PDB file of N, CA and C in Angstrom:
ATOM      1  N   MET A   1      46.543   1.898  99.687  1.00  0.00           N
ATOM      2  CA  MET A   1      45.358   2.771  99.868  1.00  0.00           C
ATOM      3  C   MET A   1      45.733   4.256  99.785  1.00  0.00           C
ATOM      4  N   ARG A   2      46.741   4.725 100.443  1.00  0.00           N
ATOM      5  CA  ARG A   2      47.296   6.125 100.376  1.00  0.00           C
ATOM      6  C   ARG A   2      47.599   6.595  99.075  1.00  0.00           C
ATOM      7  N   LYS A   3      48.221   5.632  98.283  1.00  0.00           N
ATOM      8  CA  LYS A   3      48.604   6.039  96.906  1.00  0.00           C
ATOM      9  C   LYS A   3      47.439   6.332  96.100  1.00  0.00           C
ATOM     10  N   ILE A   4      46.337   5.477  96.201  1.00  0.00           N
ATOM     11  CA  ILE A   4      45.205   5.709  95.434  1.00  0.00           C
ATOM     12  C   ILE A   4      44.596   7.065  95.789  1.00  0.00           C
ATOM     13  N   ALA A   5      44.488   7.356  96.983  1.00  0.00           N
ATOM     14  CA  ALA A   5      43.912   8.670  97.476  1.00  0.00           C
ATOM     15  C   ALA A   5      44.718   9.835  96.965  1.00  0.00           C
ATOM     16  N   ALA A   6      46.031   9.700  96.983  1.00  0.00           N
ATOM     17  CA  ALA A   6      46.875  10.729  96.597  1.00  0.00           C
ATOM     18  C   ALA A   6      46.790  10.964  95.072  1.00  0.00           C
ATOM     19  N   ALA A   7      46.678   9.897  94.366  1.00  0.00           N
ATOM     20  CA  ALA A   7      46.598   9.957  92.892  1.00  0.00           C
ATOM     21  C   ALA A   7      45.261  10.580  92.538  1.00  0.00           C
ATOM     22  N   GLY A   8      44.148  10.295  93.243  1.00  0.00           N
ATOM     23  CA  GLY A   8      42.848  10.711  92.953  1.00  0.00           C
ATOM     24  C   GLY A   8      42.965  12.262  93.354  1.00  0.00           C
ATOM     25  N   ALA A   9      43.487  12.633  94.341  1.00  0.00           N
ATOM     26  CA  ALA A   9      43.543  14.029  94.757  1.00  0.00           C
ATOM     27  C   ALA A   9      44.312  14.832  93.691  1.00  0.00           C
ATOM     28  N   GLY A  10      45.443  14.298  93.293  1.00  0.00           N
ATOM     29  CA  GLY A  10      46.185  14.994  92.213  1.00  0.00           C
ATOM     30  C   GLY A  10      45.428  15.150  90.937  1.00  0.00           C
ATOM     31  N   SER A  11      44.678  14.101  90.570  1.00  0.00           N
ATOM     32  CA  SER A  11      43.886  14.254  89.382  1.00  0.00           C
ATOM     33  C   SER A  11      42.846  15.358  89.520  1.00  0.00           C
ATOM     34  N   LEU A  12      42.251  15.344  90.698  1.00  0.00           N
ATOM     35  CA  LEU A  12      41.155  16.416  90.825  1.00  0.00           C
ATOM     36  C   LEU A  12      41.829  17.824  90.784  1.00  0.00           C
ATOM     37  N   LEU A  13      43.035  17.939  91.316  1.00  0.00           N
ATOM     38  CA  LEU A  13      43.763  19.211  91.280  1.00  0.00           C
ATOM     39  C   LEU A  13      44.033  19.617  89.818  1.00  0.00           C
ATOM     40  N   LEU A  14      44.527  18.668  89.112  1.00  0.00           N
ATOM     41  CA  LEU A  14      44.843  18.942  87.671  1.00  0.00           C
ATOM     42  C   LEU A  14      43.535  19.290  86.937  1.00  0.00           C
ATOM     43  N   LEU A  15      42.522  18.595  87.107  1.00  0.00           N
ATOM     44  CA  LEU A  15      41.210  18.876  86.362  1.00  0.00           C
ATOM     45  C   LEU A  15      40.741  20.335  86.755  1.00  0.00           C
ATOM     46  N   GLY A  16      40.954  20.733  88.061  1.00  0.00           N
ATOM     47  CA  GLY A  16      40.549  22.020  88.442  1.00  0.00           C
ATOM     48  C   GLY A  16      41.296  23.031  87.837  1.00  0.00           C
ATOM     49  N   ALA A  17      42.669  22.829  87.709  1.00  0.00           N
ATOM     50  CA  ALA A  17      43.595  23.783  87.135  1.00  0.00           C
ATOM     51  C   ALA A  17      43.246  23.997  85.711  1.00  0.00           C
ATOM     52  N   GLY A  18      43.032  22.806  84.986  1.00  0.00           N
ATOM     53  CA  GLY A  18      42.725  22.888  83.605  1.00  0.00           C
ATOM     54  C   GLY A  18      41.423  23.653  83.218  1.00  0.00           C
ATOM     55  N   ALA A  19      40.446  23.412  84.033  1.00  0.00           N
ATOM     56  CA  ALA A  19      39.156  24.052  83.889  1.00  0.00           C
ATOM     57  C   ALA A  19      39.191  25.551  84.090  1.00  0.00           C
ATOM     58  N   GLY A  20      40.122  25.980  84.964  1.00  0.00           N
ATOM     59  CA  GLY A  20      40.431  27.326  85.304  1.00  0.00           C
ATOM     60  C   GLY A  20      41.041  28.136  84.125  1.00  0.00           C
ATOM     61  N   VAL A  21      41.987  27.397  83.507  1.00  0.00           N
ATOM     62  CA  VAL A  21      42.708  28.047  82.317  1.00  0.00           C
ATOM     63  C   VAL A  21      41.694  28.180  81.186  1.00  0.00           C
ATOM     64  N   ALA A  22      40.915  27.133  80.947  1.00  0.00           N
ATOM     65  CA  ALA A  22      39.988  27.100  79.801  1.00  0.00           C
ATOM     66  C   ALA A  22      39.001  28.170  80.035  1.00  0.00           C
ATOM     67  N   SER A  23      38.540  28.502  81.168  1.00  0.00           N
ATOM     68  CA  SER A  23      37.451  29.417  81.350  1.00  0.00           C
ATOM     69  C   SER A  23      37.982  30.838  81.231  1.00  0.00           C
ATOM     70  N   ALA A  24      39.264  31.089  81.439  1.00  0.00           N
ATOM     71  CA  ALA A  24      39.838  32.365  81.391  1.00  0.00           C
ATOM     72  C   ALA A  24      40.158  32.779  79.989  1.00  0.00           C
ATOM     73  N   GLU A  25      40.043  31.878  78.997  1.00  0.00           N
ATOM     74  CA  GLU A  25      40.412  32.192  77.595  1.00  0.00           C
ATOM     75  C   GLU A  25      39.307  33.192  77.069  1.00  0.00           C
ATOM     76  N   THR A  26      39.830  34.011  76.180  1.00  0.00           N
ATOM     77  CA  THR A  26      38.905  34.766  75.377  1.00  0.00           C
ATOM     78  C   THR A  26      38.295  33.852  74.214  1.00  0.00           C
ATOM     79  N   GLN A  27      37.337  34.243  73.560  1.00  0.00           N
ATOM     80  CA  GLN A  27      36.789  33.438  72.464  1.00  0.00           C
ATOM     81  C   GLN A  27      37.825  33.347  71.295  1.00  0.00           C
ATOM     82  N   GLU A  28      38.606  34.380  71.069  1.00  0.00           N
ATOM     83  CA  GLU A  28      39.552  34.346  70.041  1.00  0.00           C
ATOM     84  C   GLU A  28      40.841  33.311  70.418  1.00  0.00           C
ATOM     85  N   GLU A  29      41.115  33.313  71.697  1.00  0.00           N
ATOM     86  CA  GLU A  29      42.204  32.424  72.195  1.00  0.00           C
ATOM     87  C   GLU A  29      41.653  31.044  72.044  1.00  0.00           C
ATOM     88  N   ALA A  30      40.422  30.698  72.500  1.00  0.00           N
ATOM     89  CA  ALA A  30      39.838  29.472  72.400  1.00  0.00           C
ATOM     90  C   ALA A  30      39.861  28.879  70.874  1.00  0.00           C
ATOM     91  N   THR A  31      39.466  29.691  70.049  1.00  0.00           N
ATOM     92  CA  THR A  31      39.398  29.369  68.674  1.00  0.00           C
ATOM     93  C   THR A  31      40.894  29.052  68.091  1.00  0.00           C
ATOM     94  N   ALA A  32      41.747  29.903  68.417  1.00  0.00           N
ATOM     95  CA  ALA A  32      43.241  29.710  67.987  1.00  0.00           C
ATOM     96  C   ALA A  32      43.679  28.424  68.607  1.00  0.00           C
ATOM     97  N   ARG A  33      43.343  28.124  69.870  1.00  0.00           N
ATOM     98  CA  ARG A  33      43.828  26.852  70.535  1.00  0.00           C
ATOM     99  C   ARG A  33      43.275  25.697  69.723  1.00  0.00           C
ATOM    100  N   ALA A  34      41.976  25.769  69.412  1.00  0.00           N
ATOM    101  CA  ALA A  34      41.228  24.693  68.776  1.00  0.00           C
ATOM    102  C   ALA A  34      41.788  24.440  67.390  1.00  0.00           C
ATOM    103  N   LYS A  35      42.229  25.438  66.633  1.00  0.00           N
ATOM    104  CA  LYS A  35      42.743  25.333  65.344  1.00  0.00           C
ATOM    105  C   LYS A  35      44.149  24.520  65.327  1.00  0.00           C
ATOM    106  N   LEU A  36      44.921  24.761  66.530  1.00  0.00           N
ATOM    107  CA  LEU A  36      46.094  23.949  66.667  1.00  0.00           C
ATOM    108  C   LEU A  36      45.827  22.480  67.005  1.00  0.00           C
ATOM    109  N   GLU A  37      44.699  22.266  67.774  1.00  0.00           N
ATOM    110  CA  GLU A  37      44.493  20.914  68.118  1.00  0.00           C
ATOM    111  C   GLU A  37      43.717  20.043  67.046  1.00  0.00           C
ATOM    112  N   CYS A  38      42.945  20.711  66.239  1.00  0.00           N
ATOM    113  CA  CYS A  38      42.156  20.083  65.157  1.00  0.00           C
ATOM    114  C   CYS A  38      42.906  20.223  63.796  1.00  0.00           C
ATOM    115  N   ALA A  39      43.356  19.090  63.360  1.00  0.00           N
ATOM    116  CA  ALA A  39      44.240  19.061  62.194  1.00  0.00           C
ATOM    117  C   ALA A  39      43.438  19.512  60.874  1.00  0.00           C
ATOM    118  N   GLU A  40      44.065  20.086  59.983  1.00  0.00           N
ATOM    119  CA  GLU A  40      43.341  20.490  58.742  1.00  0.00           C
ATOM    120  C   GLU A  40      42.927  19.131  58.092  1.00  0.00           C
ATOM    121  N   GLY A  41      41.751  19.172  57.480  1.00  0.00           N
ATOM    122  CA  GLY A  41      41.108  18.080  56.776  1.00  0.00           C
ATOM    123  C   GLY A  41      40.246  17.378  57.773  1.00  0.00           C
ATOM    124  N   TYR A  42      40.142  17.708  58.953  1.00  0.00           N
ATOM    125  CA  TYR A  42      39.265  16.981  59.972  1.00  0.00           C
ATOM    126  C   TYR A  42      38.112  17.754  60.372  1.00  0.00           C
ATOM    127  N   LEU A  43      37.010  16.996  60.875  1.00  0.00           N
ATOM    128  CA  LEU A  43      35.950  17.548  61.561  1.00  0.00           C
ATOM    129  C   LEU A  43      36.138  17.145  63.020  1.00  0.00           C
ATOM    130  N   CYS A  44      36.258  18.247  64.002  1.00  0.00           N
ATOM    131  CA  CYS A  44      36.578  17.866  65.389  1.00  0.00           C
ATOM    132  C   CYS A  44      35.326  18.308  66.219  1.00  0.00           C
ATOM    133  N   VAL A  45      34.957  17.528  67.136  1.00  0.00           N
ATOM    134  CA  VAL A  45      33.834  17.927  67.888  1.00  0.00           C
ATOM    135  C   VAL A  45      34.200  17.768  69.423  1.00  0.00           C
ATOM    136  N   TRP A  46      33.721  18.736  70.228  1.00  0.00           N
ATOM    137  CA  TRP A  46      34.025  18.689  71.676  1.00  0.00           C
ATOM    138  C   TRP A  46      32.707  18.544  72.442  1.00  0.00           C
ATOM    139  N   ASP A  47      32.777  17.972  73.648  1.00  0.00           N
ATOM    140  CA  ASP A  47      31.542  17.767  74.471  1.00  0.00           C
ATOM    141  C   ASP A  47      31.203  19.064  75.251  1.00  0.00           C
ATOM    142  N   ASP A  48      31.980  19.986  75.195  1.00  0.00           N
ATOM    143  CA  ASP A  48      31.792  21.283  75.983  1.00  0.00           C
ATOM    144  C   ASP A  48      31.906  22.514  75.035  1.00  0.00           C
ATOM    145  N   PHE A  49      31.404  23.649  75.579  1.00  0.00           N
ATOM    146  CA  PHE A  49      31.520  24.895  74.840  1.00  0.00           C
ATOM    147  C   PHE A  49      33.035  25.275  74.708  1.00  0.00           C
ATOM    148  N   ASN A  50      33.285  26.171  73.773  1.00  0.00           N
ATOM    149  CA  ASN A  50      34.613  26.808  73.564  1.00  0.00           C
ATOM    150  C   ASN A  50      35.678  25.775  73.435  1.00  0.00           C
ATOM    151  N   TYR A  51      35.416  24.604  72.668  1.00  0.00           N
ATOM    152  CA  TYR A  51      36.395  23.589  72.288  1.00  0.00           C
ATOM    153  C   TYR A  51      37.009  23.048  73.519  1.00  0.00           C
ATOM    154  N   THR A  52      36.240  22.762  74.480  1.00  0.00           N
ATOM    155  CA  THR A  52      36.830  22.067  75.734  1.00  0.00           C
ATOM    156  C   THR A  52      36.184  20.777  76.020  1.00  0.00           C
ATOM    157  N   GLY A  53      36.736  20.089  76.814  1.00  0.00           N
ATOM    158  CA  GLY A  53      36.261  18.592  77.178  1.00  0.00           C
ATOM    159  C   GLY A  53      36.753  17.574  76.268  1.00  0.00           C
ATOM    160  N   GLN A  54      36.056  16.419  76.158  1.00  0.00           N
ATOM    161  CA  GLN A  54      36.363  15.359  75.350  1.00  0.00           C
ATOM    162  C   GLN A  54      36.270  15.754  73.837  1.00  0.00           C
ATOM    163  N   ARG A  55      37.281  15.392  73.124  1.00  0.00           N
ATOM    164  CA  ARG A  55      37.253  15.771  71.683  1.00  0.00           C
ATOM    165  C   ARG A  55      37.338  14.447  70.824  1.00  0.00           C
ATOM    166  N   THR A  56      36.458  14.382  69.757  1.00  0.00           N
ATOM    167  CA  THR A  56      36.472  13.372  68.789  1.00  0.00           C
ATOM    168  C   THR A  56      36.847  13.904  67.447  1.00  0.00           C
ATOM    169  N   ASP A  57      37.843  13.407  66.767  1.00  0.00           N
ATOM    170  CA  ASP A  57      38.192  13.765  65.343  1.00  0.00           C
ATOM    171  C   ASP A  57      37.682  12.910  64.365  1.00  0.00           C
ATOM    172  N   PHE A  58      37.094  13.400  63.350  1.00  0.00           N
ATOM    173  CA  PHE A  58      36.645  12.551  62.114  1.00  0.00           C
ATOM    174  C   PHE A  58      37.402  12.965  60.902  1.00  0.00           C
ATOM    175  N   PHE A  59      37.715  11.999  60.092  1.00  0.00           N
ATOM    176  CA  PHE A  59      38.477  12.249  58.909  1.00  0.00           C
ATOM    177  C   PHE A  59      37.815  11.526  57.662  1.00  0.00           C
ATOM    178  N   GLU A  60      37.292  10.235  57.882  1.00  0.00           N
ATOM    179  CA  GLU A  60      36.657   9.600  56.902  1.00  0.00           C
ATOM    180  C   GLU A  60      35.117   9.742  56.890  1.00  0.00           C
ATOM    181  N   CYS A  61      34.532   9.582  55.683  1.00  0.00           N
ATOM    182  CA  CYS A  61      33.031   9.598  55.570  1.00  0.00           C
ATOM    183  C   CYS A  61      32.492   8.416  56.092  1.00  0.00           C
ATOM    184  N   SER A  62      31.214   8.376  56.349  1.00  0.00           N
ATOM    185  CA  SER A  62      30.577   7.142  56.909  1.00  0.00           C
ATOM    186  C   SER A  62      29.222   7.024  56.193  1.00  0.00           C
ATOM    187  N   ASP A  63      28.784   5.852  56.065  1.00  0.00           N
ATOM    188  CA  ASP A  63      27.481   5.633  55.366  1.00  0.00           C
ATOM    189  C   ASP A  63      26.251   6.017  56.286  1.00  0.00           C
ATOM    190  N   LEU A  64      26.504   6.022  57.629  1.00  0.00           N
ATOM    191  CA  LEU A  64      25.508   6.266  58.507  1.00  0.00           C
ATOM    192  C   LEU A  64      25.954   7.333  59.582  1.00  0.00           C
ATOM    193  N   PRO A  65      25.156   8.023  60.227  1.00  0.00           N
ATOM    194  CA  PRO A  65      25.544   9.018  61.186  1.00  0.00           C
ATOM    195  C   PRO A  65      26.321   8.217  62.356  1.00  0.00           C
ATOM    196  N   ILE A  66      27.355   8.910  62.942  1.00  0.00           N
ATOM    197  CA  ILE A  66      28.084   8.186  64.059  1.00  0.00           C
ATOM    198  C   ILE A  66      27.676   8.711  65.348  1.00  0.00           C
ATOM    199  N   ASP A  67      27.395   7.850  66.312  1.00  0.00           N
ATOM    200  CA  ASP A  67      26.983   8.211  67.613  1.00  0.00           C
ATOM    201  C   ASP A  67      28.204   8.876  68.381  1.00  0.00           C
ATOM    202  N   LEU A  68      28.033  10.066  68.938  1.00  0.00           N
ATOM    203  CA  LEU A  68      29.153  10.756  69.612  1.00  0.00           C
ATOM    204  C   LEU A  68      29.413  10.129  70.930  1.00  0.00           C
ATOM    205  N   ARG A  69      28.548   9.379  71.708  1.00  0.00           N
ATOM    206  CA  ARG A  69      28.561   8.926  73.036  1.00  0.00           C
ATOM    207  C   ARG A  69      28.512  10.017  74.059  1.00  0.00           C
ATOM    208  N   TYR A  70      28.272  11.222  73.537  1.00  0.00           N
ATOM    209  CA  TYR A  70      28.056  12.429  74.431  1.00  0.00           C
ATOM    210  C   TYR A  70      27.290  13.495  73.507  1.00  0.00           C
ATOM    211  N   THR A  71      26.876  14.465  74.312  1.00  0.00           N
ATOM    212  CA  THR A  71      26.172  15.582  73.476  1.00  0.00           C
ATOM    213  C   THR A  71      27.189  16.576  72.951  1.00  0.00           C
ATOM    214  N   LEU A  72      27.065  17.033  71.681  1.00  0.00           N
ATOM    215  CA  LEU A  72      28.016  17.964  71.192  1.00  0.00           C
ATOM    216  C   LEU A  72      27.978  19.311  71.927  1.00  0.00           C
ATOM    217  N   GLY A  73      29.066  19.943  72.219  1.00  0.00           N
ATOM    218  CA  GLY A  73      29.120  21.231  72.855  1.00  0.00           C
ATOM    219  C   GLY A  73      29.731  22.269  71.930  1.00  0.00           C
ATOM    220  N   SER A  74      30.715  21.866  71.049  1.00  0.00           N
ATOM    221  CA  SER A  74      31.185  22.830  70.055  1.00  0.00           C
ATOM    222  C   SER A  74      31.880  22.010  69.009  1.00  0.00           C
ATOM    223  N   PHE A  75      32.179  22.664  67.771  1.00  0.00           N
ATOM    224  CA  PHE A  75      32.803  21.903  66.742  1.00  0.00           C
ATOM    225  C   PHE A  75      33.619  22.739  65.896  1.00  0.00           C
ATOM    226  N   MET A  76      34.615  22.154  65.142  1.00  0.00           N
ATOM    227  CA  MET A  76      35.434  22.847  64.226  1.00  0.00           C
ATOM    228  C   MET A  76      35.464  22.001  62.916  1.00  0.00           C
ATOM    229  N   ASN A  77      34.907  22.478  61.789  1.00  0.00           N
ATOM    230  CA  ASN A  77      34.874  21.834  60.523  1.00  0.00           C
ATOM    231  C   ASN A  77      36.015  22.292  59.691  1.00  0.00           C
ATOM    232  N   ARG A  78      37.217  21.590  59.746  1.00  0.00           N
ATOM    233  CA  ARG A  78      38.442  21.947  59.056  1.00  0.00           C
ATOM    234  C   ARG A  78      38.585  20.964  57.785  1.00  0.00           C
ATOM    235  N   GLN A  79      37.563  20.362  57.460  1.00  0.00           N
ATOM    236  CA  GLN A  79      37.654  19.514  56.265  1.00  0.00           C
ATOM    237  C   GLN A  79      37.934  20.318  55.001  1.00  0.00           C
ATOM    238  N   TYR A  80      38.048  19.694  53.954  1.00  0.00           N
ATOM    239  CA  TYR A  80      38.380  20.410  52.748  1.00  0.00           C
ATOM    240  C   TYR A  80      37.200  21.279  52.287  1.00  0.00           C
ATOM    241  N   ALA A  81      37.614  22.468  51.807  1.00  0.00           N
ATOM    242  CA  ALA A  81      36.550  23.488  51.463  1.00  0.00           C
ATOM    243  C   ALA A  81      35.403  22.847  50.622  1.00  0.00           C
ATOM    244  N   GLY A  82      34.178  23.170  51.115  1.00  0.00           N
ATOM    245  CA  GLY A  82      33.002  22.646  50.502  1.00  0.00           C
ATOM    246  C   GLY A  82      32.395  21.332  51.119  1.00  0.00           C
ATOM    247  N   THR A  83      33.225  20.542  51.898  1.00  0.00           N
ATOM    248  CA  THR A  83      32.805  19.372  52.499  1.00  0.00           C
ATOM    249  C   THR A  83      31.676  19.659  53.492  1.00  0.00           C
ATOM    250  N   VAL A  84      30.552  18.977  53.356  1.00  0.00           N
ATOM    251  CA  VAL A  84      29.373  19.266  54.305  1.00  0.00           C
ATOM    252  C   VAL A  84      29.278  18.095  55.400  1.00  0.00           C
ATOM    253  N   ALA A  85      29.301  18.565  56.559  1.00  0.00           N
ATOM    254  CA  ALA A  85      29.025  17.675  57.771  1.00  0.00           C
ATOM    255  C   ALA A  85      27.515  17.864  58.228  1.00  0.00           C
ATOM    256  N   HIS A  86      26.894  16.781  58.707  1.00  0.00           N
ATOM    257  CA  HIS A  86      25.548  16.920  59.133  1.00  0.00           C
ATOM    258  C   HIS A  86      25.478  16.514  60.556  1.00  0.00           C
ATOM    259  N   PHE A  87      24.522  17.166  61.262  1.00  0.00           N
ATOM    260  CA  PHE A  87      24.455  16.895  62.778  1.00  0.00           C
ATOM    261  C   PHE A  87      23.013  16.461  63.003  1.00  0.00           C
ATOM    262  N   TYR A  88      22.780  15.512  63.953  1.00  0.00           N
ATOM    263  CA  TYR A  88      21.583  15.004  64.157  1.00  0.00           C
ATOM    264  C   TYR A  88      21.208  14.921  65.658  1.00  0.00           C
ATOM    265  N   GLY A  89      19.886  14.985  66.018  1.00  0.00           N
ATOM    266  CA  GLY A  89      19.513  15.034  67.420  1.00  0.00           C
ATOM    267  C   GLY A  89      19.232  13.608  67.922  1.00  0.00           C
ATOM    268  N   PRO A  90      18.683  13.491  69.150  1.00  0.00           N
ATOM    269  CA  PRO A  90      18.466  12.281  69.774  1.00  0.00           C
ATOM    270  C   PRO A  90      17.541  11.350  69.108  1.00  0.00           C
ATOM    271  N   ALA A  91      16.592  11.772  68.369  1.00  0.00           N
ATOM    272  CA  ALA A  91      15.723  10.974  67.742  1.00  0.00           C
ATOM    273  C   ALA A  91      16.063  10.725  66.237  1.00  0.00           C
ATOM    274  N   GLY A  92      17.346  11.103  65.880  1.00  0.00           N
ATOM    275  CA  GLY A  92      17.811  10.969  64.441  1.00  0.00           C
ATOM    276  C   GLY A  92      17.395  12.037  63.565  1.00  0.00           C
ATOM    277  N   GLU A  93      16.762  13.139  64.118  1.00  0.00           N
ATOM    278  CA  GLU A  93      16.367  14.270  63.206  1.00  0.00           C
ATOM    279  C   GLU A  93      17.584  15.016  62.826  1.00  0.00           C
ATOM    280  N   HIS A  94      17.520  15.513  61.524  1.00  0.00           N
ATOM    281  CA  HIS A  94      18.487  16.463  61.119  1.00  0.00           C
ATOM    282  C   HIS A  94      18.420  17.742  61.667  1.00  0.00           C
ATOM    283  N   GLN A  95      19.577  18.287  62.273  1.00  0.00           N
ATOM    284  CA  GLN A  95      19.530  19.672  62.973  1.00  0.00           C
ATOM    285  C   GLN A  95      20.249  20.644  62.237  1.00  0.00           C
ATOM    286  N   TYR A  96      21.434  20.315  61.653  1.00  0.00           N
ATOM    287  CA  TYR A  96      22.286  21.393  61.128  1.00  0.00           C
ATOM    288  C   TYR A  96      23.215  20.808  60.117  1.00  0.00           C
ATOM    289  N   SER A  97      23.570  21.557  59.042  1.00  0.00           N
ATOM    290  CA  SER A  97      24.582  21.213  58.165  1.00  0.00           C
ATOM    291  C   SER A  97      25.729  22.259  58.207  1.00  0.00           C
ATOM    292  N   SER A  98      26.950  21.789  58.202  1.00  0.00           N
ATOM    293  CA  SER A  98      28.110  22.594  58.315  1.00  0.00           C
ATOM    294  C   SER A  98      29.004  22.435  57.037  1.00  0.00           C
ATOM    295  N   THR A  99      29.113  23.613  56.337  1.00  0.00           N
ATOM    296  CA  THR A  99      30.053  23.566  55.126  1.00  0.00           C
ATOM    297  C   THR A  99      31.370  24.045  55.559  1.00  0.00           C
ATOM    298  N   ALA A 100      32.426  23.172  55.268  1.00  0.00           N
ATOM    299  CA  ALA A 100      33.776  23.579  55.629  1.00  0.00           C
ATOM    300  C   ALA A 100      34.284  24.760  54.730  1.00  0.00           C
ATOM    301  N   PRO A 101      35.091  25.678  55.264  1.00  0.00           N
ATOM    302  CA  PRO A 101      35.420  25.591  56.703  1.00  0.00           C
ATOM    303  C   PRO A 101      34.412  26.416  57.554  1.00  0.00           C
ATOM    304  N   GLU A 102      34.284  25.837  58.764  1.00  0.00           N
ATOM    305  CA  GLU A 102      33.322  26.643  59.692  1.00  0.00           C
ATOM    306  C   GLU A 102      33.667  26.088  61.105  1.00  0.00           C
ATOM    307  N   ASP A 103      33.448  26.943  62.071  1.00  0.00           N
ATOM    308  CA  ASP A 103      33.622  26.460  63.426  1.00  0.00           C
ATOM    309  C   ASP A 103      32.491  27.196  64.208  1.00  0.00           C
ATOM    310  N   SER A 104      32.302  26.436  65.383  1.00  0.00           N
ATOM    311  CA  SER A 104      31.256  26.934  66.361  1.00  0.00           C
ATOM    312  C   SER A 104      31.594  26.695  67.729  1.00  0.00           C
ATOM    313  N   PRO A 105      31.751  27.712  68.524  1.00  0.00           N
ATOM    314  CA  PRO A 105      32.164  27.532  70.004  1.00  0.00           C
ATOM    315  C   PRO A 105      31.020  27.156  70.811  1.00  0.00           C
ATOM    316  N   ASN A 106      29.876  26.789  70.290  1.00  0.00           N
ATOM    317  CA  ASN A 106      28.762  26.333  71.069  1.00  0.00           C
ATOM    318  C   ASN A 106      27.956  25.325  70.171  1.00  0.00           C
ATOM    319  N   ASP A 107      26.832  24.843  70.832  1.00  0.00           N
ATOM    320  CA  ASP A 107      26.001  23.818  70.180  1.00  0.00           C
ATOM    321  C   ASP A 107      24.955  24.349  69.275  1.00  0.00           C
ATOM    322  N   LYS A 108      24.866  25.716  69.092  1.00  0.00           N
ATOM    323  CA  LYS A 108      23.961  26.276  68.114  1.00  0.00           C
ATOM    324  C   LYS A 108      22.459  26.104  68.634  1.00  0.00           C
ATOM    325  N   GLY A 109      22.440  25.815  69.963  1.00  0.00           N
ATOM    326  CA  GLY A 109      21.062  25.604  70.574  1.00  0.00           C
ATOM    327  C   GLY A 109      20.385  24.266  70.293  1.00  0.00           C
ATOM    328  N   PHE A 110      21.198  23.252  69.804  1.00  0.00           N
ATOM    329  CA  PHE A 110      20.787  21.981  69.526  1.00  0.00           C
ATOM    330  C   PHE A 110      21.274  20.926  70.509  1.00  0.00           C
ATOM    331  N   GLU A 111      20.515  19.852  70.757  1.00  0.00           N
ATOM    332  CA  GLU A 111      21.061  18.832  71.532  1.00  0.00           C
ATOM    333  C   GLU A 111      21.485  17.608  70.545  1.00  0.00           C
ATOM    334  N   THR A 112      22.775  17.744  70.103  1.00  0.00           N
ATOM    335  CA  THR A 112      23.265  16.923  68.975  1.00  0.00           C
ATOM    336  C   THR A 112      23.903  15.633  69.546  1.00  0.00           C
ATOM    337  N   TRP A 113      23.436  14.461  68.990  1.00  0.00           N
ATOM    338  CA  TRP A 113      23.987  13.215  69.502  1.00  0.00           C
ATOM    339  C   TRP A 113      24.792  12.433  68.415  1.00  0.00           C
ATOM    340  N   GLU A 114      24.464  12.788  67.113  1.00  0.00           N
ATOM    341  CA  GLU A 114      25.209  11.986  65.972  1.00  0.00           C
ATOM    342  C   GLU A 114      25.750  12.995  64.962  1.00  0.00           C
ATOM    343  N   VAL A 115      26.700  12.598  64.298  1.00  0.00           N
ATOM    344  CA  VAL A 115      27.386  13.338  63.201  1.00  0.00           C
ATOM    345  C   VAL A 115      27.657  12.405  62.054  1.00  0.00           C
ATOM    346  N   ASP A 116      27.382  13.048  60.792  1.00  0.00           N
ATOM    347  CA  ASP A 116      27.817  12.427  59.585  1.00  0.00           C
ATOM    348  C   ASP A 116      28.845  13.361  59.096  1.00  0.00           C
ATOM    349  N   PRO A 117      30.182  12.963  59.140  1.00  0.00           N
ATOM    350  CA  PRO A 117      31.192  13.964  58.851  1.00  0.00           C
ATOM    351  C   PRO A 117      31.265  14.405  57.412  1.00  0.00           C
ATOM    352  N   CYS A 118      30.795  13.652  56.391  1.00  0.00           N
ATOM    353  CA  CYS A 118      30.714  14.287  55.025  1.00  0.00           C
ATOM    354  C   CYS A 118      29.850  13.338  54.099  1.00  0.00           C
TER     355      CYS A 118
END
């Protein structure tokens, strides 16, 4: 029982420390970090602003939009130049198209739930 409590407390401490570091980043630092995390040729989406939180990387095209399992907070489109990714809302409505290369540290004002990488 004590080990579980200690592990839980340590996890909370690490999460708090990580959140503090991310919030202290400038926009330029966040973008530079995200470029290191998101490999060239990929579309990477995060569930929080400034390329933080859970990240999902897409490399292959899909016949249908892919459910993100969370709401998009930011994205980096590092696919090959000219590749277009499409973003869709909760009712499946098209919201935004991103032509590579493009990055956005925010959700562009949309509530995005699905993505078609290319």
